[in-house]
Structures are given as C-alpha cells and as structure tokens.
Amino acid sequence: MISKFEKLSMSQLGRPTIEDTRLSVKNPIILVLENIRSAFNVGSIFRTADAFNIQEVLLCGYTAFPPHKEIAKTALGATESVVWQHFKTTQDCLSYLHTKNIPLIAVEQVKESVMLNQFQFNKQTTAAFVFGNEVVGVEQSTLNFCSGCIEIPQFGSKHSLNVGIAAGIVIWHLLNL
C-alpha cells in the first residue's frame, strides 16, 4: 500500500535558525518555574517554550538551569533559542517581574482559581505564569504575590498533571483563544 503521507525533511519544514528565533517577535508569555525537581521537566518546558516562541523562561530556586546534561537531553537545543534567566530565589524573580509591571498568574488548584477554559488572556500584554514544584506546587508565599490563579480542568481520579504537560496545555490554550 502506498501512503499519501510522506514525512517532511528538515529543510522542507522551513524552520528558522536559532539566531532568527532568538531575535523574533515573541508571544507575550513568560514562564516562571519555581523549584522544579526534575531537570528533564525543565528541558521539556524549554522545548515547548521554543515551539510556541515564548518570550522568556525564568528559573527559580533549585530549578536546574543550563548548562545541564538532563536539560539538554530533553530540550534538544532549545536552551539556545529561548531567552532564560535563573534567580537564586523566587522572591528575586518576583521583584524582577514587579519592576517590569508584569502580572503574575499561578497555575495552581486554589480557592477562587479560574478554570483555564474560562480564563481571558490579552495577547497584547505580557503576563507571567508560575508553575510549581512537582510535589507541592506553587508555594503559598508566591501565591500571595499573584494577581490571579488558573486551573486546568481535570476529570479523572488524579488531581495533578506533569508540570511539562501542564505548561504545554496552558500555553496552547492561551495562544489559541
């Protein structure tokens, strides 16, 4: 049987270069990663940030940062195309965002959270979205600085998603409103 589906080569995909990607106009989303334990998750989020041309990734606390073998394994070079910064503490990151007047929105299950499918995002204004630790989520001290919280609707018995998967779902939804 002959298939009408033929895989495209890298040259046929017409992807921009790393430098072109770094210099391109970005989508107004900043990802804040607070104390992410797994460097593989961090690498996955870098790759997703590249795929969606995200403005910046901010790595806080003990979140691994490049150069790092496990990040490189899942990021597949995205640490070169995505703008990123590491902050020793989340508070340092929050201060940085505050000086730029960038609103902070946690992705967390809290009282008064807004379901992602009901969240209104203005693509003309930059916003920062906080993703927390794989076990404890976003710290309460960080939630205290947030102007909003969004939650991904879930329908099974588990009450959480892998942080890399959650980041992909949130970004996809925000850019496709």
Protein backbone atom coordinates (compact mmCIF):
# COMPACT_ATOMS: atom_id res chain seq x y z
CA MET A 1 0.00 0.00 0.00
CA ILE A 2 1.29 3.45 -0.91
CA SER A 3 0.65 6.18 1.62
CA LYS A 4 -0.20 9.73 0.65
CA PHE A 5 1.60 10.84 3.80
CA GLU A 6 5.28 11.47 3.28
CA LYS A 7 7.40 12.76 6.14
CA LEU A 8 8.86 16.19 5.54
CA SER A 9 12.61 16.69 5.71
CA MET A 10 14.10 19.31 7.99
CA SER A 11 14.71 21.62 5.02
CA GLN A 12 11.08 21.22 3.87
CA LEU A 13 9.85 22.28 7.31
CA GLY A 14 11.41 25.71 6.79
CA ARG A 15 12.29 26.23 10.43
CA PRO A 16 14.03 29.47 11.40
CA THR A 17 17.59 29.34 12.67
CA ILE A 18 18.34 29.53 16.39
CA GLU A 19 19.52 33.12 15.94
CA ASP A 20 16.40 34.08 13.95
CA THR A 21 14.25 32.55 16.69
CA ARG A 22 16.10 34.43 19.45
CA LEU A 23 15.59 37.72 17.59
CA SER A 24 11.97 37.15 16.53
CA VAL A 25 8.91 38.86 17.98
CA LYS A 26 7.79 36.70 20.89
CA ASN A 27 4.43 35.65 22.23
CA PRO A 28 3.78 37.70 25.40
CA ILE A 29 4.09 34.80 27.83
CA ILE A 30 6.77 34.39 30.49
CA LEU A 31 7.09 31.03 32.21
CA VAL A 32 8.22 31.04 35.84
CA LEU A 33 9.46 27.65 37.05
CA GLU A 34 9.54 27.51 40.84
CA ASN A 35 11.69 24.80 42.42
CA ILE A 36 11.16 22.19 39.72
CA ARG A 37 12.88 18.98 40.89
CA SER A 38 13.37 17.26 37.54
CA ALA A 39 15.84 18.70 35.06
CA PHE A 40 14.09 16.54 32.43
CA ASN A 41 10.87 18.51 33.10
CA VAL A 42 12.81 21.76 32.75
CA GLY A 43 14.21 20.60 29.40
CA SER A 44 10.75 19.62 28.21
CA ILE A 45 9.42 23.06 29.11
CA PHE A 46 12.31 24.72 27.24
CA ARG A 47 11.40 22.72 24.15
CA THR A 48 7.74 23.71 24.47
CA ALA A 49 8.75 27.36 25.00
CA ASP A 50 10.72 27.22 21.75
CA ALA A 51 7.84 25.57 19.86
CA PHE A 52 5.45 28.35 20.90
CA ASN A 53 8.02 31.19 20.67
CA ILE A 54 7.59 32.20 24.31
CA GLN A 55 9.11 35.48 25.48
CA GLU A 56 11.19 34.13 28.37
CA VAL A 57 11.64 31.31 30.88
CA LEU A 58 12.55 32.29 34.44
CA LEU A 59 14.08 29.54 36.57
CA CYS A 60 13.80 29.98 40.34
CA GLY A 61 15.34 28.42 43.42
CA TYR A 62 16.72 24.92 42.98
CA THR A 63 15.25 24.54 39.49
CA ALA A 64 18.08 23.24 37.30
CA PHE A 65 19.43 25.64 34.69
CA PRO A 66 21.66 25.34 31.62
CA PRO A 67 24.18 24.04 31.02
CA HIS A 68 22.84 20.79 32.44
CA LYS A 69 23.05 17.30 30.92
CA GLU A 70 19.45 16.28 31.73
CA ILE A 71 18.02 19.59 30.47
CA ALA A 72 20.00 19.23 27.25
CA LYS A 73 18.69 15.69 26.75
CA THR A 74 15.04 16.80 26.59
CA ALA A 75 15.45 20.40 25.39
CA LEU A 76 17.26 19.29 22.21
CA GLY A 77 18.93 22.68 21.76
CA ALA A 78 16.01 24.86 22.87
CA THR A 79 18.14 26.39 25.65
CA GLU A 80 19.96 28.20 22.83
CA SER A 81 16.83 29.65 21.20
CA VAL A 82 14.79 30.52 24.32
CA VAL A 83 15.66 33.54 26.43
CA TRP A 84 16.07 32.47 30.06
CA GLN A 85 17.31 33.68 33.42
CA HIS A 86 17.98 31.95 36.72
CA PHE A 87 17.10 33.57 40.05
CA LYS A 88 18.52 32.27 43.31
CA THR A 89 15.14 32.73 44.98
CA THR A 90 11.58 33.04 43.76
CA GLN A 91 11.38 36.36 45.62
CA ASP A 92 14.21 37.71 43.43
CA CYS A 93 12.22 36.66 40.35
CA LEU A 94 9.03 38.26 41.68
CA SER A 95 10.91 41.51 42.29
CA TYR A 96 12.23 41.42 38.72
CA LEU A 97 8.70 40.96 37.35
CA HIS A 98 7.32 43.66 39.65
CA THR A 99 9.82 46.23 38.34
CA LYS A 100 8.53 45.49 34.82
CA ASN A 101 4.86 45.68 35.93
CA ILE A 102 4.22 42.18 34.62
CA PRO A 103 1.21 40.46 36.20
CA LEU A 104 1.85 37.10 37.84
CA ILE A 105 -0.63 34.26 37.40
CA ALA A 106 -0.19 30.93 39.15
CA VAL A 107 -1.19 27.66 37.59
CA GLU A 108 -2.49 26.00 40.73
CA GLN A 109 -5.56 24.50 42.36
CA VAL A 110 -6.66 27.10 44.91
CA LYS A 111 -9.83 28.66 46.24
CA GLU A 112 -11.08 31.17 43.68
CA SER A 113 -8.99 29.77 40.81
CA VAL A 114 -10.38 30.32 37.32
CA MET A 115 -10.67 27.29 35.07
CA LEU A 116 -8.30 27.60 32.13
CA ASN A 117 -11.13 27.35 29.61
CA GLN A 118 -12.78 30.39 31.28
CA PHE A 119 -9.61 32.48 31.61
CA GLN A 120 -9.39 35.62 29.48
CA PHE A 121 -5.88 36.38 28.22
CA ASN A 122 -4.99 39.62 26.46
CA LYS A 123 -2.34 38.67 23.90
CA GLN A 124 -1.34 42.32 23.63
CA THR A 125 0.06 42.39 27.18
CA THR A 126 2.82 40.26 28.67
CA ALA A 127 1.92 38.05 31.62
CA ALA A 128 3.99 35.62 33.69
CA PHE A 129 2.63 32.18 34.54
CA VAL A 130 4.05 30.34 37.54
CA PHE A 131 4.45 26.57 37.50
CA GLY A 132 5.39 25.00 40.82
CA ASN A 133 7.23 22.03 42.20
CA GLU A 134 6.10 18.58 41.09
CA VAL A 135 5.02 17.60 44.63
CA VAL A 136 3.94 20.75 46.49
CA GLY A 137 3.01 23.01 43.58
CA VAL A 138 3.33 26.79 43.75
CA GLU A 139 4.43 27.98 47.20
CA GLN A 140 1.89 29.92 49.26
CA SER A 141 4.40 32.77 49.61
CA THR A 142 4.42 33.05 45.79
CA LEU A 143 0.63 32.78 45.55
CA ASN A 144 0.44 35.83 47.83
CA PHE A 145 2.01 37.91 45.04
CA CYS A 146 -0.20 36.62 42.24
CA SER A 147 -2.95 38.68 40.66
CA GLY A 148 -4.76 35.51 39.60
CA CYS A 149 -4.72 31.73 39.57
CA ILE A 150 -5.79 29.41 36.80
CA GLU A 151 -6.53 25.72 36.98
CA ILE A 152 -6.58 23.09 34.26
CA PRO A 153 -9.89 21.21 34.37
CA GLN A 154 -9.33 17.52 35.12
CA PHE A 155 -11.84 14.70 35.14
CA GLY A 156 -10.02 11.63 36.45
CA SER A 157 -9.06 10.44 39.91
CA LYS A 158 -5.66 12.17 39.90
CA HIS A 159 -5.51 15.82 40.85
CA SER A 160 -2.39 16.90 39.03
CA LEU A 161 -0.53 16.76 35.75
CA ASN A 162 3.16 16.54 35.00
CA VAL A 163 4.48 20.12 35.05
CA GLY A 164 5.80 19.89 31.49
CA ILE A 165 2.43 18.67 30.23
CA ALA A 166 0.63 21.38 32.22
CA ALA A 167 2.85 24.08 30.68
CA GLY A 168 2.07 22.82 27.18
CA ILE A 169 -1.68 22.77 27.82
CA VAL A 170 -1.69 26.29 29.29
CA ILE A 171 0.43 27.79 26.52
CA TRP A 172 -1.61 26.12 23.79
CA HIS A 173 -4.83 27.42 25.27
CA LEU A 174 -3.54 30.98 25.80
CA LEU A 175 -2.32 31.28 22.23
CA ASN A 176 -5.44 29.79 20.70
CA LEU A 177 -8.04 31.96 22.39
